[in-house]
């Protein structure tokens, strides 16, 4: 079947040199950590393989080549040590695939084989790669490696990628979205490491509440799978049409450990989770999501709060702040700060390292604040607990707050005393 693709014998003038030069360029790109993507295409075999995408990742502190085999109905991921991976690629070139495209931060290299098996090499300098970098230009500074690959086929169904002249590329209008998704995954990846969930084979049960079209749900599943973990990811969404679209994409690509369900975070029963994610849950829905994460024993809680309505009408403006808070926009910002600070204190009280940080919004919105909490193995000391309880009481007294939903839920669970 592959006789026409097998390279000519060593005696042929210069024929093997182009293939060997390509392999040398690949080895250099891997050694210098400059490999962004290697795509092997034009497969000629009996299987339903469409293409093979290779990326360089770090696994257990070691550089690793991850192979994504795209079939017509499923995707298969396999990880290889660098030397074994390069040897496997060298074996496949010309024998199974008639074309290879190598992307680094500075070069685009193409190796293709003619019908007679002659290797033809083309090397071009990359001036800018605005599309694949989410709008960033390539300059003197080496581009930071991305955790995700555009070659994952589900991105096309989500409208993130399209195929141009046989090459998968970013839809220009989605450049900002792609950058936002990658920024979220960067934060998520750091939390996974901090929580001690990054060891290969670890089962990671994750719920993404308000998953919408599933950009992040697919991205988190893809990232966890790329680490060699065992993800069990569910997207929970109110809109049945979004649930249907997500499950159809999962089925079409044979993705294991990923599903979408219709539901409301405020009506969820207890579940066991390692990660709870809820972005842009409106008003007290964020509190219910955090409560689900706490009751589930989640090691990671990630929330991007939205629409802080509960606290604002309760707030009594302290005399010293009246000149500042007489303006509605400032009062709204103050209410957001107070609400999320109380939530962060409550999460710390429950034994989590908690941060309130900025991240790039997933929609064109200023709502780009995230409450990120990672469970502490040692919990919280008695002295620190008393200090946190006093801080909460001081804030409530200062602003005249009578009720905050997450606190109320924790009181009902018996974790806090009645104020």
Protein backbone atom coordinates (compact mmCIF):
# COMPACT_ATOMS: atom_id res chain seq x y z
CA UNK A 1 0.00 0.00 0.00
CA UNK A 2 2.83 2.40 0.89
CA UNK A 3 5.32 1.40 -1.79
CA UNK A 4 4.92 4.72 -3.59
CA UNK A 5 5.71 6.59 -0.37
CA UNK A 6 8.81 4.72 0.75
CA UNK A 7 11.90 6.92 0.25
CA UNK A 8 14.31 5.89 -2.50
CA UNK A 9 17.32 3.82 -1.53
CA UNK A 10 20.44 5.57 -0.17
CA UNK A 11 22.10 5.45 -3.57
CA UNK A 12 19.66 7.95 -5.07
CA UNK A 13 21.29 11.37 -5.44
CA UNK A 14 20.38 13.67 -2.53
CA UNK A 15 17.02 11.89 -2.07
CA UNK A 16 17.37 10.94 1.60
CA UNK A 17 19.08 14.23 2.52
CA UNK A 18 15.87 16.26 2.52
CA UNK A 19 14.14 13.77 4.78
CA UNK A 20 17.12 13.59 7.11
CA UNK A 21 17.39 17.38 7.14
CA UNK A 22 13.73 17.58 8.19
CA UNK A 23 14.37 15.14 11.04
CA UNK A 24 17.39 17.20 12.14
CA UNK A 25 15.24 20.34 12.17
CA UNK A 26 12.65 18.48 14.23
CA UNK A 27 15.23 17.27 16.75
CA UNK A 28 16.61 20.80 17.10
CA UNK A 29 13.13 22.27 17.61
CA UNK A 30 12.38 19.69 20.31
CA UNK A 31 15.75 20.10 22.05
CA UNK A 32 15.38 23.89 22.13
CA UNK A 33 11.70 23.70 23.20
CA UNK A 34 10.66 25.57 20.06
CA UNK A 35 8.27 22.97 18.66
CA UNK A 36 4.75 24.39 18.45
CA UNK A 37 3.17 21.69 16.30
CA UNK A 38 4.01 18.90 13.88
CA UNK A 39 1.21 17.81 11.57
CA UNK A 40 1.48 14.61 9.54
CA UNK A 41 -1.14 14.37 6.80
CA UNK A 42 -2.02 12.63 3.51
CA UNK A 43 -2.25 9.24 5.15
CA UNK A 44 -2.44 6.24 2.84
CA UNK A 45 -3.48 3.18 4.72
CA UNK A 46 -6.32 0.84 5.54
CA UNK A 47 -7.39 2.67 8.73
CA UNK A 48 -9.67 5.71 8.87
CA UNK A 49 -6.83 7.96 10.08
CA UNK A 50 -7.16 11.54 8.89
CA UNK A 51 -4.05 13.12 10.40
CA UNK A 52 -1.56 12.92 13.25
CA UNK A 53 -0.71 15.97 15.36
CA UNK A 54 2.35 16.00 17.61
CA UNK A 55 2.97 18.56 20.36
CA UNK A 56 5.72 18.99 22.94
CA UNK A 57 4.43 18.99 26.52
CA UNK A 58 5.87 18.53 29.99
CA UNK A 59 4.79 15.40 31.83
CA UNK A 60 5.99 14.74 35.37
CA UNK A 61 8.72 17.30 34.84
CA UNK A 62 10.00 15.65 31.65
CA UNK A 63 9.60 16.82 28.02
CA UNK A 64 7.18 14.50 26.24
CA UNK A 65 5.83 14.23 22.71
CA UNK A 66 2.07 13.75 22.71
CA UNK A 67 0.58 12.15 19.60
CA UNK A 68 -3.05 12.96 18.73
CA UNK A 69 -4.29 10.45 16.14
CA UNK A 70 -7.38 11.84 14.46
CA UNK A 71 -9.68 9.18 13.04
CA UNK A 72 -12.93 9.79 11.20
CA UNK A 73 -15.00 8.94 14.29
CA UNK A 74 -12.65 9.25 17.28
CA UNK A 75 -9.38 10.69 18.59
CA UNK A 76 -6.63 8.69 20.28
CA UNK A 77 -3.87 10.30 22.35
CA UNK A 78 -0.57 8.59 23.08
CA UNK A 79 2.47 10.02 24.88
CA UNK A 80 6.07 9.16 24.00
CA UNK A 81 9.45 9.94 25.51
CA UNK A 82 11.22 12.44 23.24
CA UNK A 83 13.70 10.04 21.64
CA UNK A 84 11.08 7.32 21.13
CA UNK A 85 8.68 9.87 19.71
CA UNK A 86 11.17 11.28 17.22
CA UNK A 87 12.11 7.76 16.11
CA UNK A 88 8.42 6.94 15.59
CA UNK A 89 7.94 10.12 13.53
CA UNK A 90 10.98 9.25 11.44
CA UNK A 91 9.51 5.79 10.80
CA UNK A 92 6.14 7.27 9.70
CA UNK A 93 7.60 9.90 7.32
CA UNK A 94 7.13 8.68 3.79
CA UNK A 95 5.98 5.25 4.94
CA UNK A 96 2.52 6.20 6.22
CA UNK A 97 2.21 9.94 5.67
CA UNK A 98 3.10 11.79 2.49
CA UNK A 99 3.31 15.26 4.05
CA UNK A 100 4.63 16.81 7.27
CA UNK A 101 4.29 20.42 8.42
CA UNK A 102 6.54 21.57 11.25
CA UNK A 103 5.81 24.85 13.06
CA UNK A 104 8.23 26.56 15.43
CA UNK A 105 8.23 30.08 16.82
CA UNK A 106 10.33 31.27 13.87
CA UNK A 107 9.94 28.74 11.04
CA UNK A 108 7.42 26.84 8.97
CA UNK A 109 8.89 23.68 7.48
CA UNK A 110 7.13 21.40 5.03
CA UNK A 111 8.27 17.97 3.90
CA UNK A 112 6.27 16.20 1.21
CA UNK A 113 6.85 13.13 -0.89
CA UNK A 114 6.22 12.96 -4.62
CA UNK A 115 4.36 10.07 -6.22
CA UNK A 116 7.72 8.43 -6.83
CA UNK A 117 8.66 8.81 -3.18
CA UNK A 118 11.08 11.72 -3.61
CA UNK A 119 11.24 13.93 -0.48
CA UNK A 120 10.82 17.66 -1.13
CA UNK A 121 11.65 20.14 1.64
CA UNK A 122 10.56 23.76 1.94
CA UNK A 123 11.67 26.01 4.80
CA UNK A 124 10.13 29.46 5.35
CA UNK A 125 10.82 32.05 8.01
CA UNK A 126 7.78 32.98 10.08
CA UNK A 127 7.27 36.73 10.24
CA UNK A 128 4.09 36.77 12.31
CA UNK A 129 1.64 34.20 13.57
CA UNK A 130 -1.20 36.39 14.75
CA UNK A 131 -3.93 33.80 14.17
CA UNK A 132 -2.48 30.86 16.05
CA UNK A 133 -1.22 33.01 18.89
CA UNK A 134 -4.57 34.58 19.57
CA UNK A 135 -3.60 37.91 18.05
CA UNK A 136 -0.01 38.13 19.34
CA UNK A 137 2.80 38.82 16.90
CA UNK A 138 6.00 36.83 16.81
CA UNK A 139 8.93 39.07 17.74
CA UNK A 140 12.31 38.81 19.40
CA UNK A 141 10.81 37.20 22.49
CA UNK A 142 9.96 33.55 22.09
CA UNK A 143 6.25 32.93 22.31
CA UNK A 144 5.07 31.14 25.44
CA UNK A 145 3.95 27.59 24.59
CA UNK A 146 0.20 27.09 24.56
CA UNK A 147 -1.39 24.30 26.55
CA UNK A 148 -4.01 23.63 23.88
CA UNK A 149 -3.85 22.66 20.24
CA UNK A 150 -6.06 24.02 17.50
CA UNK A 151 -5.87 20.63 15.82
CA UNK A 152 -8.31 19.04 18.26
CA UNK A 153 -11.30 18.45 15.97
CA UNK A 154 -13.96 19.67 18.36
CA UNK A 155 -12.71 23.25 17.92
CA UNK A 156 -14.08 23.22 14.39
CA UNK A 157 -17.56 22.31 15.61
CA UNK A 158 -17.40 25.10 18.16
CA UNK A 159 -16.57 27.56 15.40
CA UNK A 160 -13.03 28.24 16.63
CA UNK A 161 -11.15 26.73 13.69
CA UNK A 162 -11.59 26.06 10.00
CA UNK A 163 -9.52 24.37 7.32
CA UNK A 164 -7.63 26.50 4.82
CA UNK A 165 -5.73 24.75 2.01
CA UNK A 166 -5.54 21.52 3.98
CA UNK A 167 -4.33 23.25 7.14
CA UNK A 168 -6.35 23.69 10.32
CA UNK A 169 -6.24 27.31 11.38
CA UNK A 170 -7.93 29.75 13.70
CA UNK A 171 -11.02 31.59 12.47
CA UNK A 172 -9.81 35.21 12.51
CA UNK A 173 -12.88 36.44 14.37
CA UNK A 174 -12.12 33.91 17.15
CA UNK A 175 -8.56 35.12 17.83
CA UNK A 176 -9.58 36.98 20.97
CA UNK A 177 -11.67 34.06 22.18
CA UNK A 178 -8.75 31.66 21.67
CA UNK A 179 -6.49 33.91 23.73
CA UNK A 180 -9.10 34.05 26.48
CA UNK A 181 -9.52 30.27 26.55
CA UNK A 182 -5.75 29.77 26.80
CA UNK A 183 -5.47 32.33 29.59
CA UNK A 184 -8.09 30.45 31.57
CA UNK A 185 -6.27 27.15 30.99
CA UNK A 186 -3.04 28.76 32.17
CA UNK A 187 -4.70 29.61 35.50
CA UNK A 188 -6.41 26.21 35.62
CA UNK A 189 -3.10 24.40 34.99
CA UNK A 190 -1.41 26.20 37.88
CA UNK A 191 -4.31 25.28 40.19
CA UNK A 192 -4.14 21.62 39.12
CA UNK A 193 -0.45 21.52 40.01
CA UNK A 194 -1.01 23.34 43.31
CA UNK A 195 -3.79 20.91 44.26
CA UNK A 196 -1.57 17.88 43.60
CA UNK A 197 -3.75 16.52 40.81
CA UNK A 198 -1.12 16.43 38.03
CA UNK A 199 0.21 12.89 38.50
CA UNK A 200 -0.54 10.70 35.43
CA UNK A 201 -3.50 8.39 35.89
CA UNK A 202 -5.14 10.57 38.55
CA UNK A 203 -8.92 10.61 38.28
CA UNK A 204 -10.18 14.18 38.09
CA UNK A 205 -13.93 14.63 38.47
CA UNK A 206 -14.87 18.09 37.26
CA UNK A 207 -18.17 19.95 36.94
CA UNK A 208 -18.45 23.12 34.84
CA UNK A 209 -21.66 24.88 35.82
CA UNK A 210 -23.14 27.20 33.22
CA UNK A 211 -20.99 25.57 30.54
CA UNK A 212 -22.79 27.30 27.67
CA UNK A 213 -21.38 26.30 24.29
CA UNK A 214 -18.67 24.32 26.07
CA UNK A 215 -15.49 26.18 25.08
CA UNK A 216 -13.95 25.73 28.52
CA UNK A 217 -15.51 22.33 29.19
CA UNK A 218 -13.87 20.85 26.09
CA UNK A 219 -10.65 22.78 26.80
CA UNK A 220 -10.32 21.50 30.37
CA UNK A 221 -11.04 17.92 29.32
CA UNK A 222 -8.47 18.21 26.52
CA UNK A 223 -5.87 19.69 28.86
CA UNK A 224 -6.36 17.04 31.57
CA UNK A 225 -6.23 14.26 29.00
CA UNK A 226 -3.04 15.74 27.56
CA UNK A 227 -1.43 15.50 31.01
CA UNK A 228 -2.13 11.78 31.04
CA UNK A 229 -4.83 12.12 33.70
CA UNK A 230 -8.19 10.34 33.79
CA UNK A 231 -10.75 13.14 33.43
CA UNK A 232 -14.44 12.72 34.24
CA UNK A 233 -15.80 16.08 33.07
CA UNK A 234 -19.41 17.19 32.96
CA UNK A 235 -20.77 20.44 31.63
CA UNK A 236 -23.99 21.52 33.39
CA UNK A 237 -26.14 23.96 31.43
CA UNK A 238 -29.74 25.21 31.66
CA UNK A 239 -30.30 25.46 27.90
CA UNK A 240 -31.17 22.07 26.36
CA UNK A 241 -29.98 23.10 22.88
CA UNK A 242 -26.47 23.75 24.22
CA UNK A 243 -26.50 20.40 26.04
CA UNK A 244 -27.50 18.63 22.82
CA UNK A 245 -24.78 20.32 20.75
CA UNK A 246 -22.13 19.41 23.31
CA UNK A 247 -23.14 15.77 23.59
CA UNK A 248 -23.35 15.39 19.81
CA UNK A 249 -19.77 16.66 19.47
CA UNK A 250 -18.61 14.32 22.24
CA UNK A 251 -20.24 11.33 20.51
CA UNK A 252 -18.97 12.29 17.07
CA UNK A 253 -15.36 12.36 18.22
CA UNK A 254 -15.53 9.45 20.66
CA UNK A 255 -14.35 11.53 23.61
CA UNK A 256 -14.22 9.47 26.78
CA UNK A 257 -14.92 11.04 30.16
CA UNK A 258 -16.85 14.05 28.87
CA UNK A 259 -20.59 14.70 28.90
CA UNK A 260 -23.13 17.51 29.12
CA UNK A 261 -26.23 17.58 31.33
CA UNK A 262 -29.15 19.94 31.72
CA UNK A 263 -29.43 21.34 35.22
CA UNK A 264 -29.28 24.25 37.64
CA UNK A 265 -26.49 24.56 40.20
CA UNK A 266 -29.05 25.61 42.82
CA UNK A 267 -30.80 22.24 42.51
CA UNK A 268 -27.77 19.95 42.43
CA UNK A 269 -27.56 17.08 44.87
CA UNK A 270 -24.31 16.18 46.62
CA UNK A 271 -21.63 14.87 44.28
CA UNK A 272 -17.96 13.97 44.57
CA UNK A 273 -15.68 16.37 42.70
CA UNK A 274 -12.03 17.30 42.50
CA UNK A 275 -12.76 20.52 40.57
CA UNK A 276 -15.79 22.84 40.55
CA UNK A 277 -15.96 25.60 37.94
CA UNK A 278 -18.68 28.23 37.57
CA UNK A 279 -18.11 31.26 35.36
CA UNK A 280 -20.48 34.20 35.26
CA UNK A 281 -23.11 32.58 37.49
CA UNK A 282 -25.51 35.42 38.20
CA UNK A 283 -25.71 36.89 41.71
CA UNK A 284 -26.30 34.22 44.38
CA UNK A 285 -25.91 31.38 41.86
CA UNK A 286 -22.18 31.88 42.47
CA UNK A 287 -22.74 31.23 46.18
CA UNK A 288 -24.67 28.04 45.42
CA UNK A 289 -21.88 26.92 43.07
CA UNK A 290 -19.25 27.51 45.75
CA UNK A 291 -21.43 25.62 48.21
CA UNK A 292 -21.64 22.66 45.81
CA UNK A 293 -17.85 22.74 45.53
CA UNK A 294 -17.43 22.76 49.30
CA UNK A 295 -19.94 19.95 49.91
CA UNK A 296 -18.33 17.88 47.15
CA UNK A 297 -14.91 18.10 48.78
CA UNK A 298 -13.48 19.77 45.66
CA UNK A 299 -9.74 20.42 45.74
CA UNK A 300 -10.20 23.35 43.35
CA UNK A 301 -13.01 25.92 43.20
CA UNK A 302 -12.95 28.44 40.34
CA UNK A 303 -15.67 31.07 40.08
CA UNK A 304 -16.05 34.25 38.04
CA UNK A 305 -18.86 36.07 39.87
CA UNK A 306 -21.41 38.18 38.05
CA UNK A 307 -24.31 40.51 38.84
CA UNK A 308 -23.68 41.25 42.53
CA UNK A 309 -27.24 42.11 43.53
CA UNK A 310 -27.66 40.64 47.01
CA UNK A 311 -25.33 42.86 49.03
CA UNK A 312 -25.78 46.24 47.35
CA UNK A 313 -29.28 47.10 48.69
CA UNK A 314 -28.21 46.04 52.20
CA UNK A 315 -25.11 48.23 52.32
CA UNK A 316 -25.12 51.09 54.78
CA UNK A 317 -22.67 53.70 53.57
CA UNK A 318 -20.18 54.54 56.34
CA UNK A 319 -19.91 58.30 56.92
CA UNK A 320 -16.26 58.45 55.88
CA UNK A 321 -17.06 56.81 52.52
CA UNK A 322 -20.16 58.81 51.58
CA UNK A 323 -18.27 61.28 49.32
CA UNK A 324 -16.87 58.28 47.40
CA UNK A 325 -19.99 56.12 47.27
CA UNK A 326 -22.47 58.85 46.37
CA UNK A 327 -21.79 57.88 42.75
CA UNK A 328 -23.73 54.83 41.66
CA UNK A 329 -20.83 53.29 39.71
CA UNK A 330 -18.58 53.47 42.77
CA UNK A 331 -21.27 51.98 45.00
CA UNK A 332 -21.69 49.09 42.55
CA UNK A 333 -17.93 48.47 42.48
CA UNK A 334 -17.81 48.60 46.28
CA UNK A 335 -20.65 46.07 46.51
CA UNK A 336 -18.76 43.72 44.18
CA UNK A 337 -15.57 44.08 46.23
CA UNK A 338 -17.38 43.45 49.52
CA UNK A 339 -19.31 40.44 48.17
CA UNK A 340 -16.27 38.69 46.72
CA UNK A 341 -14.11 39.51 49.73
CA UNK A 342 -16.70 37.89 52.03
CA UNK A 343 -16.81 34.84 49.74
CA UNK A 344 -13.01 34.58 49.77
CA UNK A 345 -12.91 34.78 53.57
CA UNK A 346 -15.56 32.07 53.84
CA UNK A 347 -13.62 29.79 51.51
CA UNK A 348 -10.45 30.35 53.52
CA UNK A 349 -12.43 29.62 56.67
CA UNK A 350 -13.35 26.28 55.09
CA UNK A 351 -9.68 25.38 54.62
CA UNK A 352 -8.76 26.78 51.18
CA UNK A 353 -5.91 28.94 49.92
CA UNK A 354 -7.96 31.66 48.26
CA UNK A 355 -7.16 34.43 45.79
CA UNK A 356 -9.27 37.06 44.08
CA UNK A 357 -7.56 37.72 40.76
CA UNK A 358 -8.18 39.24 37.35
CA UNK A 359 -8.36 37.03 34.31
CA UNK A 360 -9.32 37.70 30.70
CA UNK A 361 -13.09 37.66 30.38
CA UNK A 362 -14.57 34.91 28.25
CA UNK A 363 -17.01 37.32 26.69
CA UNK A 364 -16.62 40.98 25.76
CA UNK A 365 -17.33 42.15 29.29
CA UNK A 366 -15.62 43.85 32.21
CA UNK A 367 -16.65 40.95 34.47
CA UNK A 368 -13.15 39.53 34.59
CA UNK A 369 -12.67 38.81 38.29
CA UNK A 370 -12.05 35.27 39.49
CA UNK A 371 -12.24 33.75 42.96
CA UNK A 372 -9.77 30.86 42.94
CA UNK A 373 -9.57 28.47 45.90
CA UNK A 374 -7.31 25.42 46.34
CA UNK A 375 -7.84 23.14 49.32
CA UNK A 376 -5.11 23.15 51.95
CA UNK A 377 -4.05 19.64 53.04
CA UNK A 378 -3.64 20.84 56.63
CA UNK A 379 -6.90 22.81 56.77
CA UNK A 380 -7.07 26.00 58.84
CA UNK A 381 -5.70 26.46 62.34
CA UNK A 382 -7.94 27.30 65.28
CA UNK A 383 -6.27 30.70 65.71
CA UNK A 384 -6.65 31.59 62.05
CA UNK A 385 -10.26 30.44 62.08
CA UNK A 386 -11.06 32.76 64.97
CA UNK A 387 -9.33 35.61 63.15
CA UNK A 388 -11.33 35.00 59.97
CA UNK A 389 -14.64 34.84 61.86
CA UNK A 390 -13.83 38.20 63.47
CA UNK A 391 -12.91 39.74 60.10
CA UNK A 392 -16.25 38.63 58.67
CA UNK A 393 -18.16 40.10 61.57
CA UNK A 394 -16.25 43.38 61.29
CA UNK A 395 -17.08 43.70 57.57
CA UNK A 396 -20.76 42.90 58.12
CA UNK A 397 -20.99 45.42 60.95
CA UNK A 398 -19.11 48.13 59.04
CA UNK A 399 -21.44 47.90 56.03
CA UNK A 400 -24.58 46.89 57.90
CA UNK A 401 -24.93 43.55 56.07
CA UNK A 402 -27.71 41.29 57.27
CA UNK A 403 -27.36 38.31 54.91
CA UNK A 404 -24.91 36.71 52.51
CA UNK A 405 -26.02 33.49 50.80
CA UNK A 406 -22.84 31.42 51.05
CA UNK A 407 -22.57 32.23 54.76
CA UNK A 408 -26.24 31.27 55.23
CA UNK A 409 -25.70 27.92 53.48
CA UNK A 410 -22.65 27.16 55.64
CA UNK A 411 -24.60 28.03 58.78
CA UNK A 412 -27.34 25.61 57.68
CA UNK A 413 -24.67 22.92 57.21
CA UNK A 414 -23.41 23.52 60.72
CA UNK A 415 -19.99 24.81 59.60
CA UNK A 416 -20.57 28.29 61.04
CA UNK A 417 -22.29 29.55 64.14
CA UNK A 418 -25.33 31.77 63.72
CA UNK A 419 -24.24 35.40 63.57
